[in-house]
PDB file of N, CA and C in Angstrom:
ATOM      1  N   MET A   1      23.908   8.623  25.645  1.00  0.00           N
ATOM      2  CA  MET A   1      22.672   8.664  25.837  1.00  0.00           C
ATOM      3  C   MET A   1      22.256  10.217  26.256  1.00  0.00           C
ATOM      4  N   ALA A   2      21.288  10.772  25.855  1.00  0.00           N
ATOM      5  CA  ALA A   2      20.776  12.159  26.255  1.00  0.00           C
ATOM      6  C   ALA A   2      20.135  11.928  27.645  1.00  0.00           C
ATOM      7  N   VAL A   3      20.623  13.214  28.353  1.00  0.00           N
ATOM      8  CA  VAL A   3      19.896  13.315  29.811  1.00  0.00           C
ATOM      9  C   VAL A   3      19.397  14.879  29.933  1.00  0.00           C
ATOM     10  N   PRO A   4      18.251  14.842  30.270  1.00  0.00           N
ATOM     11  CA  PRO A   4      17.742  16.313  30.256  1.00  0.00           C
ATOM     12  C   PRO A   4      18.568  16.939  31.614  1.00  0.00           C
ATOM     13  N   ARG A   5      18.645  18.246  31.214  1.00  0.00           N
ATOM     14  CA  ARG A   5      19.588  19.135  31.909  1.00  0.00           C
ATOM     15  C   ARG A   5      18.612  19.699  33.193  1.00  0.00           C
ATOM     16  N   HIS A   6      17.415  19.918  33.040  1.00  0.00           N
ATOM     17  CA  HIS A   6      16.586  20.549  34.057  1.00  0.00           C
ATOM     18  C   HIS A   6      15.118  19.807  34.090  1.00  0.00           C
ATOM     19  N   HIS A   7      14.784  19.891  35.363  1.00  0.00           N
ATOM     20  CA  HIS A   7      13.461  19.215  35.485  1.00  0.00           C
ATOM     21  C   HIS A   7      12.413  19.988  34.754  1.00  0.00           C
ATOM     22  N   MET A   8      11.372  19.590  34.009  1.00  0.00           N
ATOM     23  CA  MET A   8      10.303  20.426  33.303  1.00  0.00           C
ATOM     24  C   MET A   8       9.184  20.325  34.021  1.00  0.00           C
ATOM     25  N   ALA A   9       8.374  21.557  34.593  1.00  0.00           N
ATOM     26  CA  ALA A   9       7.023  21.358  35.292  1.00  0.00           C
ATOM     27  C   ALA A   9       6.027  20.726  34.284  1.00  0.00           C
ATOM     28  N   LYS A  10       5.095  20.146  34.899  1.00  0.00           N
ATOM     29  CA  LYS A  10       4.124  19.512  34.104  1.00  0.00           C
ATOM     30  C   LYS A  10       3.181  20.516  33.299  1.00  0.00           C
ATOM     31  N   GLY A  11       3.056  21.713  33.983  1.00  0.00           N
ATOM     32  CA  GLY A  11       2.297  22.870  33.175  1.00  0.00           C
ATOM     33  C   GLY A  11       3.011  23.279  31.989  1.00  0.00           C
ATOM     34  N   LYS A  12       4.234  23.313  32.010  1.00  0.00           N
ATOM     35  CA  LYS A  12       5.056  23.922  30.859  1.00  0.00           C
ATOM     36  C   LYS A  12       5.253  22.749  29.806  1.00  0.00           C
ATOM     37  N   GLN A  13       5.346  21.421  30.307  1.00  0.00           N
ATOM     38  CA  GLN A  13       5.325  20.555  29.320  1.00  0.00           C
ATOM     39  C   GLN A  13       4.051  20.343  28.641  1.00  0.00           C
ATOM     40  N   LEU A  14       2.825  20.449  29.163  1.00  0.00           N
ATOM     41  CA  LEU A  14       1.605  20.413  28.608  1.00  0.00           C
ATOM     42  C   LEU A  14       1.366  21.551  27.663  1.00  0.00           C
ATOM     43  N   ARG A  15       1.695  22.845  28.145  1.00  0.00           N
ATOM     44  CA  ARG A  15       1.574  23.900  27.178  1.00  0.00           C
ATOM     45  C   ARG A  15       2.307  23.589  25.986  1.00  0.00           C
ATOM     46  N   ARG A  16       3.464  23.136  26.071  1.00  0.00           N
ATOM     47  CA  ARG A  16       4.466  23.024  24.944  1.00  0.00           C
ATOM     48  C   ARG A  16       3.661  21.993  24.092  1.00  0.00           C
ATOM     49  N   ARG A  17       3.111  20.894  24.709  1.00  0.00           N
ATOM     50  CA  ARG A  17       2.336  19.809  23.879  1.00  0.00           C
ATOM     51  C   ARG A  17       0.832  20.184  23.225  1.00  0.00           C
ATOM     52  N   SER A  18       0.320  21.429  23.677  1.00  0.00           N
ATOM     53  CA  SER A  18      -1.006  21.890  23.232  1.00  0.00           C
ATOM     54  C   SER A  18      -0.978  22.022  21.763  1.00  0.00           C
ATOM     55  N   HIS A  19       0.150  22.270  21.082  1.00  0.00           N
ATOM     56  CA  HIS A  19       0.042  22.381  19.540  1.00  0.00           C
ATOM     57  C   HIS A  19       0.365  21.172  18.859  1.00  0.00           C
ATOM     58  N   LEU A  20       0.445  19.827  19.587  1.00  0.00           N
ATOM     59  CA  LEU A  20       0.726  18.865  18.860  1.00  0.00           C
ATOM     60  C   LEU A  20      -0.551  18.034  18.460  1.00  0.00           C
ATOM     61  N   ALA A  21      -1.812  18.489  19.021  1.00  0.00           N
ATOM     62  CA  ALA A  21      -3.209  17.943  18.335  1.00  0.00           C
ATOM     63  C   ALA A  21      -3.473  17.770  17.021  1.00  0.00           C
ATOM     64  N   LEU A  22      -3.879  16.572  16.590  1.00  0.00           N
ATOM     65  CA  LEU A  22      -4.366  16.808  15.092  1.00  0.00           C
ATOM     66  C   LEU A  22      -5.391  17.443  14.978  1.00  0.00           C
ATOM     67  N   LYS A  23      -5.403  18.161  13.778  1.00  0.00           N
ATOM     68  CA  LYS A  23      -6.382  19.027  13.321  1.00  0.00           C
ATOM     69  C   LYS A  23      -7.263  18.495  12.252  1.00  0.00           C
ATOM     70  N   ALA A  24      -8.480  18.833  12.448  1.00  0.00           N
ATOM     71  CA  ALA A  24      -9.601  18.109  11.366  1.00  0.00           C
ATOM     72  C   ALA A  24      -9.068  18.686   9.795  1.00  0.00           C
ATOM     73  N   ARG A  25      -9.227  17.892   9.084  1.00  0.00           N
ATOM     74  CA  ARG A  25      -9.134  18.058   7.681  1.00  0.00           C
ATOM     75  C   ARG A  25     -10.080  18.991   6.905  1.00  0.00           C
ATOM     76  N   ASN A  26     -10.079  19.962   6.321  1.00  0.00           N
ATOM     77  CA  ASN A  26     -11.019  20.702   5.884  1.00  0.00           C
ATOM     78  C   ASN A  26     -11.208  20.157   4.131  1.00  0.00           C
ATOM     79  N   LEU A  27     -12.144  19.739   4.135  1.00  0.00           N
ATOM     80  CA  LEU A  27     -12.425  19.129   2.827  1.00  0.00           C
ATOM     81  C   LEU A  27     -13.357  19.858   1.940  1.00  0.00           C
ATOM     82  N   SER A  28     -13.446  19.712   0.721  1.00  0.00           N
ATOM     83  CA  SER A  28     -14.501  20.485  -0.142  1.00  0.00           C
ATOM     84  C   SER A  28     -14.773  19.900  -1.308  1.00  0.00           C
ATOM     85  N   LYS A  29     -15.916  19.870  -1.737  1.00  0.00           N
ATOM     86  CA  LYS A  29     -16.561  18.876  -2.603  1.00  0.00           C
ATOM     87  C   LYS A  29     -15.995  19.225  -4.164  1.00  0.00           C
ATOM     88  N   CYS A  30     -15.924  18.103  -4.750  1.00  0.00           N
ATOM     89  CA  CYS A  30     -15.417  18.166  -6.227  1.00  0.00           C
ATOM     90  C   CYS A  30     -16.313  18.840  -7.048  1.00  0.00           C
ATOM     91  N   SER A  31     -16.077  19.737  -7.859  1.00  0.00           N
ATOM     92  CA  SER A  31     -17.148  20.487  -8.806  1.00  0.00           C
ATOM     93  C   SER A  31     -17.621  19.428  -9.709  1.00  0.00           C
ATOM     94  N   HIS A  32     -16.924  18.474 -10.226  1.00  0.00           N
ATOM     95  CA  HIS A  32     -17.561  17.477 -11.274  1.00  0.00           C
ATOM     96  C   HIS A  32     -18.343  16.440 -10.450  1.00  0.00           C
ATOM     97  N   CYS A  33     -17.630  15.634  -9.730  1.00  0.00           N
ATOM     98  CA  CYS A  33     -18.381  14.506  -9.151  1.00  0.00           C
ATOM     99  C   CYS A  33     -19.032  14.565  -7.811  1.00  0.00           C
ATOM    100  N   GLY A  34     -18.629  15.660  -7.069  1.00  0.00           N
ATOM    101  CA  GLY A  34     -19.253  15.970  -5.697  1.00  0.00           C
ATOM    102  C   GLY A  34     -18.807  15.156  -4.362  1.00  0.00           C
ATOM    103  N   LYS A  35     -17.627  14.342  -4.744  1.00  0.00           N
ATOM    104  CA  LYS A  35     -17.219  13.670  -3.622  1.00  0.00           C
ATOM    105  C   LYS A  35     -16.224  14.835  -2.981  1.00  0.00           C
ATOM    106  N   MET A  36     -15.981  14.562  -1.538  1.00  0.00           N
ATOM    107  CA  MET A  36     -15.274  15.373  -0.715  1.00  0.00           C
ATOM    108  C   MET A  36     -13.600  14.915  -1.081  1.00  0.00           C
ATOM    109  N   ILE A  37     -13.033  15.984  -1.371  1.00  0.00           N
ATOM    110  CA  ILE A  37     -11.678  16.028  -1.558  1.00  0.00           C
ATOM    111  C   ILE A  37     -10.811  17.143  -0.930  1.00  0.00           C
ATOM    112  N   MET A  38      -9.653  17.000  -1.055  1.00  0.00           N
ATOM    113  CA  MET A  38      -8.648  18.024  -0.385  1.00  0.00           C
ATOM    114  C   MET A  38      -8.646  19.167  -1.388  1.00  0.00           C
ATOM    115  N   PRO A  39      -8.898  20.388  -0.755  1.00  0.00           N
ATOM    116  CA  PRO A  39      -8.798  21.544  -1.710  1.00  0.00           C
ATOM    117  C   PRO A  39      -7.451  21.958  -2.505  1.00  0.00           C
ATOM    118  N   HIS A  40      -7.663  22.384  -3.555  1.00  0.00           N
ATOM    119  CA  HIS A  40      -6.469  22.659  -4.239  1.00  0.00           C
ATOM    120  C   HIS A  40      -5.844  21.363  -4.867  1.00  0.00           C
ATOM    121  N   ALA A  41      -6.356  20.217  -5.053  1.00  0.00           N
ATOM    122  CA  ALA A  41      -5.854  19.198  -5.534  1.00  0.00           C
ATOM    123  C   ALA A  41      -6.753  18.537  -6.542  1.00  0.00           C
ATOM    124  N   VAL A  42      -6.165  17.705  -7.409  1.00  0.00           N
ATOM    125  CA  VAL A  42      -6.857  16.931  -8.302  1.00  0.00           C
ATOM    126  C   VAL A  42      -7.778  15.659  -7.667  1.00  0.00           C
ATOM    127  N   CYS A  43      -9.005  15.589  -8.358  1.00  0.00           N
ATOM    128  CA  CYS A  43     -10.045  14.666  -7.524  1.00  0.00           C
ATOM    129  C   CYS A  43      -9.522  13.198  -8.040  1.00  0.00           C
ATOM    130  N   LYS A  44      -9.184  12.432  -6.926  1.00  0.00           N
ATOM    131  CA  LYS A  44      -8.744  11.093  -7.367  1.00  0.00           C
ATOM    132  C   LYS A  44      -9.808  10.271  -7.840  1.00  0.00           C
ATOM    133  N   PHE A  45     -11.130  10.545  -7.881  1.00  0.00           N
ATOM    134  CA  PHE A  45     -12.117   9.689  -8.220  1.00  0.00           C
ATOM    135  C   PHE A  45     -12.422  10.051  -9.675  1.00  0.00           C
ATOM    136  N   CYS A  46     -12.510  11.226 -10.146  1.00  0.00           N
ATOM    137  CA  CYS A  46     -12.841  11.584 -11.530  1.00  0.00           C
ATOM    138  C   CYS A  46     -11.710  12.109 -12.432  1.00  0.00           C
ATOM    139  N   GLY A  47     -10.841  12.756 -11.649  1.00  0.00           N
ATOM    140  CA  GLY A  47      -9.449  13.286 -12.469  1.00  0.00           C
ATOM    141  C   GLY A  47      -9.770  14.708 -12.961  1.00  0.00           C
ATOM    142  N   PHE A  48     -10.733  15.368 -12.408  1.00  0.00           N
ATOM    143  CA  PHE A  48     -11.098  16.769 -12.650  1.00  0.00           C
ATOM    144  C   PHE A  48     -10.383  17.687 -11.603  1.00  0.00           C
ATOM    145  N   TYR A  49      -9.860  18.834 -12.254  1.00  0.00           N
ATOM    146  CA  TYR A  49      -9.390  20.030 -11.297  1.00  0.00           C
ATOM    147  C   TYR A  49      -9.973  21.351 -11.885  1.00  0.00           C
ATOM    148  N   LYS A  50     -10.424  22.146 -11.135  1.00  0.00           N
ATOM    149  CA  LYS A  50     -11.203  23.363 -11.647  1.00  0.00           C
ATOM    150  C   LYS A  50     -11.835  23.314 -12.755  1.00  0.00           C
ATOM    151  N   GLY A  51     -12.737  22.186 -12.935  1.00  0.00           N
ATOM    152  CA  GLY A  51     -13.851  21.787 -14.071  1.00  0.00           C
ATOM    153  C   GLY A  51     -13.119  21.483 -15.169  1.00  0.00           C
ATOM    154  N   LYS A  52     -11.839  21.058 -15.295  1.00  0.00           N
ATOM    155  CA  LYS A  52     -11.077  20.460 -16.330  1.00  0.00           C
ATOM    156  C   LYS A  52     -10.547  19.200 -16.033  1.00  0.00           C
ATOM    157  N   GLU A  53     -10.517  18.314 -16.957  1.00  0.00           N
ATOM    158  CA  GLU A  53      -9.879  17.020 -16.847  1.00  0.00           C
ATOM    159  C   GLU A  53      -8.399  16.980 -17.058  1.00  0.00           C
ATOM    160  N   VAL A  54      -7.853  16.657 -15.894  1.00  0.00           N
ATOM    161  CA  VAL A  54      -6.443  16.618 -15.938  1.00  0.00           C
ATOM    162  C   VAL A  54      -5.675  15.250 -15.794  1.00  0.00           C
ATOM    163  N   LEU A  55      -6.448  14.278 -15.208  1.00  0.00           N
ATOM    164  CA  LEU A  55      -6.001  12.932 -15.418  1.00  0.00           C
ATOM    165  C   LEU A  55      -7.028  12.090 -16.023  1.00  0.00           C
ATOM    166  N   PRO A  56      -6.764  11.012 -17.017  1.00  0.00           N
ATOM    167  CA  PRO A  56      -7.809  10.256 -17.719  1.00  0.00           C
ATOM    168  C   PRO A  56      -7.922   9.031 -16.866  1.00  0.00           C
ATOM    169  N   ILE A  57      -8.526   9.341 -15.744  1.00  0.00           N
ATOM    170  CA  ILE A  57      -9.131   8.304 -14.811  1.00  0.00           C
ATOM    171  C   ILE A  57     -10.088   7.121 -15.580  1.00  0.00           C
ATOM    172  N   LEU A  58     -10.962   7.876 -16.255  1.00  0.00           N
ATOM    173  CA  LEU A  58     -12.054   6.950 -16.845  1.00  0.00           C
ATOM    174  C   LEU A  58     -11.430   5.958 -17.925  1.00  0.00           C
ATOM    175  N   ALA A  59     -10.635   6.735 -18.719  1.00  0.00           N
ATOM    176  CA  ALA A  59      -9.915   5.972 -19.809  1.00  0.00           C
ATOM    177  C   ALA A  59      -8.913   4.625 -19.106  1.00  0.00           C
ATOM    178  N   ARG A  60      -8.278   5.098 -18.080  1.00  0.00           N
ATOM    179  CA  ARG A  60      -7.419   3.930 -17.414  1.00  0.00           C
ATOM    180  C   ARG A  60      -8.464   2.857 -16.867  1.00  0.00           C
ATOM    181  N   GLU A  61      -9.265   3.340 -16.300  1.00  0.00           N
ATOM    182  CA  GLU A  61     -10.522   2.256 -15.874  1.00  0.00           C
ATOM    183  C   GLU A  61     -10.847   1.151 -16.702  1.00  0.00           C
ATOM    184  N   LEU A  62     -11.189   1.772 -18.069  1.00  0.00           N
ATOM    185  CA  LEU A  62     -11.584   1.001 -18.952  1.00  0.00           C
ATOM    186  C   LEU A  62     -10.584   0.122 -19.652  1.00  0.00           C
ATOM    187  N   LYS A  63      -9.356   0.624 -19.691  1.00  0.00           N
ATOM    188  CA  LYS A  63      -8.283  -0.091 -20.061  1.00  0.00           C
ATOM    189  C   LYS A  63      -7.872  -1.219 -19.250  1.00  0.00           C
ATOM    190  N   LYS A  64      -8.102  -1.107 -17.739  1.00  0.00           N
ATOM    191  CA  LYS A  64      -7.890  -2.092 -16.855  1.00  0.00           C
ATOM    192  C   LYS A  64      -8.902  -3.293 -17.306  1.00  0.00           C
ATOM    193  N   ARG A  65     -10.271  -2.858 -17.284  1.00  0.00           N
ATOM    194  CA  ARG A  65     -11.192  -3.643 -17.518  1.00  0.00           C
ATOM    195  C   ARG A  65     -11.158  -4.561 -18.601  1.00  0.00           C
ATOM    196  N   GLU A  66     -10.457  -3.605 -19.738  1.00  0.00           N
ATOM    197  CA  GLU A  66     -10.445  -4.549 -20.930  1.00  0.00           C
ATOM    198  C   GLU A  66      -9.347  -5.612 -20.896  1.00  0.00           C
ATOM    199  N   LYS A  67      -8.223  -5.139 -20.083  1.00  0.00           N
ATOM    200  CA  LYS A  67      -7.237  -6.155 -19.900  1.00  0.00           C
ATOM    201  C   LYS A  67      -7.625  -7.453 -19.164  1.00  0.00           C
ATOM    202  N   ARG A  68      -8.440  -6.940 -18.187  1.00  0.00           N
ATOM    203  CA  ARG A  68      -8.840  -8.287 -17.211  1.00  0.00           C
ATOM    204  C   ARG A  68      -9.949  -9.137 -18.069  1.00  0.00           C
ATOM    205  N   MET A  69     -10.440  -8.498 -19.071  1.00  0.00           N
ATOM    206  CA  MET A  69     -11.428  -9.332 -19.890  1.00  0.00           C
ATOM    207  C   MET A  69     -10.688 -10.380 -20.789  1.00  0.00           C
ATOM    208  N   GLN A  70      -9.537  -9.779 -21.415  1.00  0.00           N
ATOM    209  CA  GLN A  70      -8.603 -10.771 -22.288  1.00  0.00           C
ATOM    210  C   GLN A  70      -8.006 -11.518 -21.466  1.00  0.00           C
ATOM    211  N   ALA A  71      -7.518 -11.330 -20.188  1.00  0.00           N
ATOM    212  CA  ALA A  71      -6.840 -12.319 -19.224  1.00  0.00           C
ATOM    213  C   ALA A  71      -7.800 -13.569 -18.977  1.00  0.00           C
ATOM    214  N   GLY A  72      -9.063 -13.127 -18.703  1.00  0.00           N
ATOM    215  CA  GLY A  72      -9.972 -14.143 -18.607  1.00  0.00           C
ATOM    216  C   GLY A  72     -10.303 -15.066 -19.640  1.00  0.00           C
ATOM    217  N   VAL A  73     -10.324 -14.390 -20.671  1.00  0.00           N
ATOM    218  CA  VAL A  73     -10.789 -15.342 -22.126  1.00  0.00           C
ATOM    219  C   VAL A  73      -9.673 -16.223 -22.423  1.00  0.00           C
ATOM    220  N   GLN A  74      -8.335 -15.692 -22.191  1.00  0.00           N
ATOM    221  CA  GLN A  74      -7.303 -16.828 -22.663  1.00  0.00           C
ATOM    222  C   GLN A  74      -6.768 -17.564 -21.627  1.00  0.00           C
TER     223      GLN A  74
END
């Protein structure tokens, strides 16, 4: 089992831990839908990045909805 070699003063310990605090996320607005997203990332709500559609999210939603409708009918 590890044993500390020397006693660490409270001040030194707190100064070391001063960088461990969580930082607030800096979010930006999606240019297409206006929701808050992480910068330099594809919007998970609409699938757009820099004004271009990268992920066909709307098509996926329609496909899921259609699948559910077929399952409900049968």
